[in-house]
Amino acid sequence: MPPEQFLARQEKLLSLIREAGVDALLVTGVSNVSYLTGFSGDSSALLIGPSVRVLISDSRYQTQIAEECPGLEADIRTQKTKQPDQIASVVSGAKPAKLALESHIVTADEFARLSDAIGKTDSGKPITIKPLASAVEKLRQVKDDDEIKETRRAIHIAERAFLAMKATLTDDLTERQVAHELEHSMRRLGADRAAFEPIIAVGDHSALPHYRPGERRIGESTFVLVDWGAALPSGYRSDLTRVLATGTVPSQLQELHGVVLKAQLAGIAVIRPGAKLKDVDAAARRVIEEAGYGDFFGHGLGHGIGLHIHEEPRLSSIADGELQPGNIVTVEPGIYLPNFGGVRIEDDVLVTPDGHEVLSSLPKDLD
């Protein structure tokens, strides 16, 4: 992405910093630093305010920072300096009267060490430290054109890998082997890695929403749930779920699949700018409840995706807020019956200025 894009993101963050009534924010979340600067390393921080923008890192990344973050001031430490002392030195040099920390990321120990280490303002008063949670994440909710393009690519790679996996699926393969092959296919097609550990859940294992693949073989049941996604070198991700028939499908599974598909379509139908997050969840949940399976749908309808696999906004019955153009959310209703199995159907949906676009395109039928 061009440097101007990162500068624009920094300017938007400065507006939030001013609204919070502080002079600077110390950004320590790895993904947040990357989002604001383009730096792809770790173990670093960004001090940003109206009068200061400094990337705080170490000598391992000196050349990398020069290449990835042209024009951005960097403070590089050697192995003789501890990171907390370096951060304190940079903060003390900038002398913000009020410094905000990413309070949802900074640990109590880190807070205590920084509080003890930083100096005073020009007036001689101690620098005041204040919490500021999720300011960068608020910006990350709304994707720009390049982020949407990257997400489309992550979805395309995941879909191609799924089709390749499905073409070679045999009864003797274990859940774990299929998961490994699916991830290998995504890497071969251009992904950096899987967006998360793929879920390959055979038979009644599919009733466990976050099941970890084991040694059960595909042929031990007549259906399998597959939940997977690709992560690109840029960090952007996809998240999809389908249920495959590997034999004669039980009539009860066909019923569950029909209800879940109807629920998913009902949720997607109400996605638009201004739609309340809880209303989108309710539209899908109502279908499942009316079918008598409300007690077996225990999670929210979906979540944002981006540099993390779970981001804001959340589609759930307890979520506050509304959808905005540029949000990308999963829509993934499910019904999970213990000792039988479960169905979840998941797609990635972009909120457009006048409605929505389903970015994923794989068939949703029990194939």
Protein backbone atom coordinates (compact mmCIF):
# COMPACT_ATOMS: atom_id res chain seq x y z
CA MET A 1 0.00 0.00 0.00
CA PRO A 2 1.27 3.54 -0.73
CA PRO A 3 2.70 5.62 2.16
CA GLU A 4 -0.12 8.15 1.69
CA GLN A 5 -2.62 5.52 2.80
CA PHE A 6 -0.88 5.04 6.12
CA LEU A 7 -0.62 8.79 6.61
CA ALA A 8 -4.38 9.07 6.04
CA ARG A 9 -5.00 6.40 8.68
CA GLN A 10 -2.74 8.23 11.11
CA GLU A 11 -4.68 11.47 10.53
CA LYS A 12 -7.95 9.71 11.32
CA LEU A 13 -6.44 8.37 14.52
CA LEU A 14 -5.27 11.86 15.48
CA SER A 15 -8.89 12.99 15.38
CA LEU A 16 -9.80 10.24 17.86
CA ILE A 17 -6.83 11.20 20.04
CA ARG A 18 -8.05 14.81 20.17
CA GLU A 19 -11.59 13.67 20.96
CA ALA A 20 -10.21 11.64 23.86
CA GLY A 21 -8.56 14.75 25.31
CA VAL A 22 -5.01 13.38 25.31
CA ASP A 23 -1.80 14.57 23.70
CA ALA A 24 -0.49 11.25 22.37
CA LEU A 25 -1.29 7.55 22.15
CA LEU A 26 1.21 4.75 22.59
CA VAL A 27 0.15 2.04 20.11
CA THR A 28 1.51 -1.36 21.13
CA GLY A 29 -0.79 -3.86 19.39
CA VAL A 30 1.24 -5.56 16.63
CA SER A 31 -1.60 -5.43 14.09
CA ASN A 32 -2.42 -1.84 15.03
CA VAL A 33 1.17 -0.71 14.48
CA SER A 34 1.17 -2.47 11.11
CA TYR A 35 -2.19 -0.94 10.14
CA LEU A 36 -0.93 2.58 10.86
CA THR A 37 2.60 2.35 9.43
CA GLY A 38 2.94 -0.60 7.05
CA PHE A 39 5.63 -2.13 9.27
CA SER A 40 5.36 -5.92 9.18
CA GLY A 41 7.61 -6.75 12.14
CA ASP A 42 6.79 -7.13 15.81
CA SER A 43 8.20 -6.10 19.23
CA SER A 44 7.61 -2.44 18.35
CA ALA A 45 5.38 0.49 19.28
CA LEU A 46 4.20 3.73 17.76
CA LEU A 47 3.99 6.98 19.71
CA ILE A 48 1.58 9.22 17.85
CA GLY A 49 0.10 12.62 18.59
CA PRO A 50 -0.35 16.00 16.89
CA SER A 51 3.32 16.84 17.50
CA VAL A 52 4.95 13.40 17.51
CA ARG A 53 5.04 10.29 15.31
CA VAL A 54 7.82 7.88 16.25
CA LEU A 55 8.11 4.16 15.55
CA ILE A 56 9.93 2.55 18.47
CA SER A 57 11.79 -0.61 17.51
CA ASP A 58 15.15 -2.38 17.64
CA SER A 59 18.17 -2.90 15.42
CA ARG A 60 16.86 -6.17 13.92
CA TYR A 61 14.32 -4.12 11.98
CA GLN A 62 16.32 -1.01 11.08
CA THR A 63 16.63 -1.80 7.37
CA GLN A 64 13.13 -3.22 7.18
CA ILE A 65 11.63 -0.05 8.68
CA ALA A 66 13.50 2.12 6.19
CA GLU A 67 12.05 0.05 3.35
CA GLU A 68 8.49 -0.37 4.63
CA CYS A 69 7.98 3.01 6.36
CA PRO A 70 9.75 5.68 4.30
CA GLY A 71 9.64 9.08 5.93
CA LEU A 72 8.52 7.82 9.34
CA GLU A 73 10.80 8.78 12.24
CA ALA A 74 12.13 5.71 14.03
CA ASP A 75 13.88 5.28 17.35
CA ILE A 76 16.09 2.17 17.16
CA ARG A 77 17.45 0.55 20.30
CA THR A 78 20.45 -1.74 20.65
CA GLN A 79 20.65 -4.93 22.71
CA LYS A 80 22.00 -2.85 25.62
CA THR A 81 18.64 -1.09 26.11
CA LYS A 82 15.43 -2.67 27.40
CA GLN A 83 12.27 -1.89 25.47
CA PRO A 84 10.38 -0.35 28.45
CA ASP A 85 13.31 2.00 29.07
CA GLN A 86 13.40 2.93 25.39
CA ILE A 87 9.67 3.65 25.31
CA ALA A 88 9.93 5.70 28.48
CA SER A 89 12.79 7.71 26.98
CA VAL A 90 10.85 8.49 23.79
CA VAL A 91 7.73 9.43 25.74
CA SER A 92 9.70 11.60 28.15
CA GLY A 93 11.34 13.35 25.21
CA ALA A 94 7.97 14.11 23.61
CA LYS A 95 6.61 15.34 26.98
CA PRO A 96 2.88 14.86 26.39
CA ALA A 97 0.92 16.15 29.38
CA LYS A 98 -1.58 13.33 28.90
CA LEU A 99 -0.52 10.01 27.38
CA ALA A 100 -3.05 7.36 26.37
CA LEU A 101 -2.31 3.65 26.35
CA GLU A 102 -4.13 0.87 24.52
CA SER A 103 -5.71 -0.31 27.76
CA HIS A 104 -7.19 -3.44 26.17
CA ILE A 105 -3.67 -4.59 25.24
CA VAL A 106 -1.24 -3.23 27.87
CA THR A 107 -0.79 -5.54 30.85
CA ALA A 108 -0.86 -4.34 34.46
CA ASP A 109 2.88 -5.05 34.71
CA GLU A 110 3.66 -3.02 31.58
CA PHE A 111 1.54 -0.15 32.88
CA ALA A 112 3.34 -0.13 36.22
CA ARG A 113 6.80 -0.23 34.64
CA LEU A 114 6.01 2.58 32.21
CA SER A 115 4.44 4.71 34.94
CA ASP A 116 7.61 4.39 37.01
CA ALA A 117 9.94 5.10 34.10
CA ILE A 118 8.51 8.08 32.23
CA GLY A 119 9.56 11.59 33.16
CA LYS A 120 7.78 14.89 33.53
CA THR A 121 6.38 17.61 31.29
CA ASP A 122 8.09 20.92 30.66
CA SER A 123 6.11 22.36 33.58
CA GLY A 124 7.63 19.80 35.89
CA LYS A 125 4.40 17.90 36.40
CA PRO A 126 4.34 14.12 35.95
CA ILE A 127 2.97 12.85 32.65
CA THR A 128 -0.60 11.63 33.20
CA ILE A 129 -1.38 8.20 31.78
CA LYS A 130 -4.94 7.49 30.66
CA PRO A 131 -6.65 4.41 29.18
CA LEU A 132 -7.89 4.53 25.59
CA ALA A 133 -9.28 1.21 24.40
CA SER A 134 -9.79 0.11 20.79
CA ALA A 135 -9.21 3.46 19.07
CA VAL A 136 -7.29 1.87 16.19
CA GLU A 137 -9.69 -1.06 16.07
CA LYS A 138 -12.50 1.46 15.57
CA LEU A 139 -10.77 2.64 12.40
CA ARG A 140 -10.05 -0.92 11.28
CA GLN A 141 -13.76 -1.75 11.23
CA VAL A 142 -14.22 0.22 8.01
CA LYS A 143 -12.15 -1.26 5.20
CA ASP A 144 -10.72 0.86 2.39
CA ASP A 145 -10.51 -0.24 -1.23
CA ASP A 146 -7.15 -1.98 -0.82
CA GLU A 147 -8.33 -3.89 2.25
CA ILE A 148 -11.46 -5.01 0.42
CA LYS A 149 -9.31 -6.12 -2.51
CA GLU A 150 -7.08 -8.15 -0.19
CA THR A 151 -10.08 -9.76 1.48
CA ARG A 152 -11.50 -10.74 -1.90
CA ARG A 153 -8.17 -12.38 -2.72
CA ALA A 154 -8.11 -14.24 0.60
CA ILE A 155 -11.60 -15.55 -0.11
CA HIS A 156 -10.69 -16.58 -3.66
CA ILE A 157 -7.66 -18.54 -2.44
CA ALA A 158 -9.71 -20.24 0.28
CA GLU A 159 -12.41 -21.24 -2.20
CA ARG A 160 -9.94 -22.66 -4.72
CA ALA A 161 -8.20 -24.63 -1.98
CA PHE A 162 -11.54 -26.01 -0.78
CA LEU A 163 -12.43 -27.23 -4.26
CA ALA A 164 -9.01 -28.87 -4.59
CA MET A 165 -9.43 -30.56 -1.22
CA LYS A 166 -12.93 -31.74 -2.06
CA ALA A 167 -11.73 -33.29 -5.32
CA THR A 168 -9.22 -35.48 -3.46
CA LEU A 169 -11.34 -36.30 -0.39
CA THR A 170 -11.39 -40.04 0.34
CA ASP A 171 -12.87 -42.14 3.11
CA ASP A 172 -9.51 -43.21 4.54
CA LEU A 173 -8.24 -39.68 5.27
CA THR A 174 -8.35 -38.43 8.86
CA GLU A 175 -9.73 -35.06 9.90
CA ARG A 176 -6.21 -33.90 10.69
CA GLN A 177 -4.85 -35.00 7.31
CA VAL A 178 -7.61 -33.14 5.49
CA ALA A 179 -6.94 -30.02 7.57
CA HIS A 180 -3.23 -30.17 6.72
CA GLU A 181 -3.94 -30.69 3.02
CA LEU A 182 -6.36 -27.76 2.99
CA GLU A 183 -3.81 -25.47 4.57
CA HIS A 184 -1.09 -26.68 2.21
CA SER A 185 -3.34 -25.93 -0.77
CA MET A 186 -3.97 -22.39 0.49
CA ARG A 187 -0.24 -21.78 0.89
CA ARG A 188 0.43 -23.20 -2.56
CA LEU A 189 -2.15 -20.81 -4.02
CA GLY A 190 -0.55 -17.73 -2.46
CA ALA A 191 -1.68 -17.60 1.17
CA ASP A 192 0.87 -16.94 3.90
CA ARG A 193 -0.89 -19.46 6.15
CA ALA A 194 -4.33 -20.55 7.26
CA ALA A 195 -6.36 -17.76 8.85
CA PHE A 196 -6.88 -20.11 11.81
CA GLU A 197 -6.55 -23.85 12.38
CA PRO A 198 -9.04 -25.37 9.92
CA ILE A 199 -11.95 -27.25 11.45
CA ILE A 200 -12.63 -30.63 9.84
CA ALA A 201 -15.39 -32.23 11.90
CA VAL A 202 -16.77 -35.63 10.89
CA GLY A 203 -20.25 -36.71 12.03
CA ASP A 204 -21.16 -35.79 15.60
CA HIS A 205 -17.89 -33.87 15.95
CA SER A 206 -19.61 -31.16 13.87
CA ALA A 207 -21.77 -30.38 16.92
CA LEU A 208 -18.67 -28.80 18.51
CA PRO A 209 -18.40 -25.27 17.05
CA HIS A 210 -14.65 -24.95 17.70
CA TYR A 211 -13.66 -28.58 17.28
CA ARG A 212 -9.99 -29.42 16.67
CA PRO A 213 -9.38 -32.05 13.97
CA GLY A 214 -8.40 -35.49 15.22
CA GLU A 215 -7.96 -39.02 13.98
CA ARG A 216 -11.53 -39.81 12.93
CA ARG A 217 -11.65 -40.80 9.27
CA ILE A 218 -13.91 -39.21 6.70
CA GLY A 219 -15.60 -42.54 5.96
CA GLU A 220 -16.75 -42.98 9.57
CA SER A 221 -19.80 -40.80 8.90
CA THR A 222 -21.84 -39.55 5.96
CA PHE A 223 -21.14 -35.83 6.45
CA VAL A 224 -18.32 -33.49 7.46
CA LEU A 225 -18.24 -29.82 8.47
CA VAL A 226 -15.38 -27.73 7.09
CA ASP A 227 -14.55 -24.28 8.57
CA TRP A 228 -11.46 -22.66 7.05
CA GLY A 229 -9.91 -19.46 5.75
CA ALA A 230 -6.75 -18.05 4.19
CA ALA A 231 -4.41 -15.41 5.59
CA LEU A 232 -2.43 -13.38 3.04
CA PRO A 233 1.10 -12.00 3.49
CA SER A 234 -0.60 -8.62 4.06
CA GLY A 235 -2.43 -10.11 7.05
CA TYR A 236 -5.96 -9.97 5.63
CA ARG A 237 -8.12 -13.05 6.06
CA SER A 238 -11.18 -14.99 4.97
CA ASP A 239 -13.52 -17.22 6.98
CA LEU A 240 -15.93 -19.75 5.43
CA THR A 241 -17.90 -22.83 6.48
CA ARG A 242 -19.63 -25.56 4.50
CA VAL A 243 -21.07 -29.00 5.26
CA LEU A 244 -20.25 -31.76 2.78
CA ALA A 245 -22.16 -34.99 2.27
CA THR A 246 -19.81 -37.96 2.03
CA GLY A 247 -22.55 -40.58 1.93
CA THR A 248 -26.32 -40.88 2.31
CA VAL A 249 -27.36 -37.87 4.36
CA PRO A 250 -29.70 -38.46 7.33
CA SER A 251 -33.08 -36.76 6.93
CA GLN A 252 -32.51 -34.85 10.17
CA LEU A 253 -29.31 -33.34 8.80
CA GLN A 254 -31.16 -32.29 5.65
CA GLU A 255 -33.74 -30.58 7.84
CA LEU A 256 -31.07 -28.78 9.88
CA HIS A 257 -29.28 -27.69 6.75
CA GLY A 258 -32.46 -26.23 5.29
CA VAL A 259 -33.20 -24.27 8.46
CA VAL A 260 -29.66 -22.92 8.76
CA LEU A 261 -29.55 -21.88 5.11
CA LYS A 262 -32.89 -20.08 5.45
CA ALA A 263 -31.59 -18.35 8.58
CA GLN A 264 -28.38 -17.27 6.88
CA LEU A 265 -30.23 -15.80 3.91
CA ALA A 266 -32.58 -13.96 6.27
CA GLY A 267 -29.63 -12.41 8.10
CA ILE A 268 -27.82 -11.42 4.93
CA ALA A 269 -31.00 -9.86 3.52
CA VAL A 270 -31.11 -7.15 6.22
CA ILE A 271 -27.44 -6.16 5.99
CA ARG A 272 -27.14 -2.54 4.94
CA PRO A 273 -25.67 0.72 6.28
CA GLY A 274 -27.48 1.74 9.44
CA ALA A 275 -28.79 -1.73 10.25
CA LYS A 276 -28.50 -2.44 13.95
CA LEU A 277 -26.07 -5.23 14.73
CA LYS A 278 -28.53 -7.00 17.02
CA ASP A 279 -31.28 -6.74 14.39
CA VAL A 280 -29.18 -8.63 11.84
CA ASP A 281 -28.59 -11.34 14.42
CA ALA A 282 -32.31 -11.39 15.28
CA ALA A 283 -33.38 -11.85 11.66
CA ALA A 284 -31.42 -15.10 11.40
CA ARG A 285 -32.01 -16.27 14.95
CA ARG A 286 -35.78 -15.92 14.55
CA VAL A 287 -35.77 -18.52 11.76
CA ILE A 288 -33.93 -21.04 13.91
CA GLU A 289 -36.12 -20.38 16.94
CA GLU A 290 -39.33 -20.75 14.94
CA ALA A 291 -38.07 -24.11 13.68
CA GLY A 292 -37.68 -25.24 17.31
CA TYR A 293 -33.88 -25.19 17.45
CA GLY A 294 -33.28 -21.93 19.30
CA ASP A 295 -31.59 -23.68 22.24
CA PHE A 296 -29.02 -25.17 19.87
CA PHE A 297 -27.72 -21.90 18.38
CA GLY A 298 -25.56 -20.54 21.18
CA HIS A 299 -23.19 -18.10 19.50
CA GLY A 300 -23.55 -14.77 17.74
CA LEU A 301 -24.42 -14.60 14.07
CA GLY A 302 -21.07 -13.26 12.94
CA HIS A 303 -18.07 -11.01 13.37
CA GLY A 304 -15.83 -8.66 11.47
CA ILE A 305 -12.73 -9.98 9.72
CA GLY A 306 -9.55 -8.20 8.67
CA LEU A 307 -6.05 -8.35 10.12
CA HIS A 308 -7.55 -10.58 12.83
CA ILE A 309 -10.02 -13.39 12.26
CA HIS A 310 -12.36 -11.95 14.92
CA GLU A 311 -12.79 -8.18 14.80
CA GLU A 312 -15.50 -5.64 15.36
CA PRO A 313 -18.31 -5.25 14.52
CA ARG A 314 -20.02 -8.26 16.10
CA LEU A 315 -23.41 -9.50 14.99
CA SER A 316 -25.07 -10.74 18.16
CA SER A 317 -28.11 -10.27 20.37
CA ILE A 318 -26.08 -8.19 22.84
CA ALA A 319 -24.15 -6.05 20.34
CA ASP A 320 -24.62 -2.29 20.26
CA GLY A 321 -24.08 -0.17 17.20
CA GLU A 322 -24.90 -0.17 13.52
CA LEU A 323 -23.30 -1.41 10.31
CA GLN A 324 -21.31 1.04 8.19
CA PRO A 325 -20.21 0.94 4.56
CA GLY A 326 -16.85 -0.83 4.45
CA ASN A 327 -17.60 -3.32 7.23
CA ILE A 328 -16.83 -6.92 6.26
CA VAL A 329 -18.64 -9.44 8.46
CA THR A 330 -19.18 -13.16 8.55
CA VAL A 331 -22.74 -14.47 8.61
CA GLU A 332 -22.62 -17.94 10.16
CA PRO A 333 -25.75 -19.30 11.86
CA GLY A 334 -25.54 -22.84 13.16
CA ILE A 335 -27.51 -25.59 14.85
CA TYR A 336 -25.58 -28.08 16.99
CA LEU A 337 -27.23 -31.25 18.28
CA PRO A 338 -25.07 -33.20 20.76
CA ASN A 339 -24.42 -36.84 19.84
CA PHE A 340 -25.76 -36.24 16.34
CA GLY A 341 -23.99 -33.40 14.55
CA GLY A 342 -24.22 -29.80 13.54
CA VAL A 343 -24.65 -27.52 10.56
CA ARG A 344 -23.05 -24.12 10.10
CA ILE A 345 -23.05 -22.15 6.85
CA GLU A 346 -20.72 -19.16 6.71
CA ASP A 347 -20.00 -16.48 4.13
CA ASP A 348 -18.15 -13.16 4.16
CA VAL A 349 -20.30 -10.11 3.43
CA LEU A 350 -19.29 -6.54 2.57
CA VAL A 351 -21.53 -3.67 3.62
CA THR A 352 -21.83 -1.41 0.56
CA PRO A 353 -23.10 2.20 0.45
CA ASP A 354 -26.55 0.99 -0.62
CA GLY A 355 -26.77 -2.54 0.79
CA HIS A 356 -24.42 -5.51 0.80
CA GLU A 357 -22.33 -7.84 -1.35
CA VAL A 358 -21.68 -11.47 -0.55
CA LEU A 359 -17.98 -11.83 -1.34
CA SER A 360 -17.84 -15.62 -1.20
CA SER A 361 -19.36 -17.74 -3.95
CA LEU A 362 -19.15 -21.44 -3.12
CA PRO A 363 -22.42 -23.41 -3.44
CA LYS A 364 -24.25 -23.89 -0.15
CA ASP A 365 -26.15 -27.08 -0.90
CA LEU A 366 -25.36 -30.43 0.74
CA ASP A 367 -23.05 -31.66 -2.01
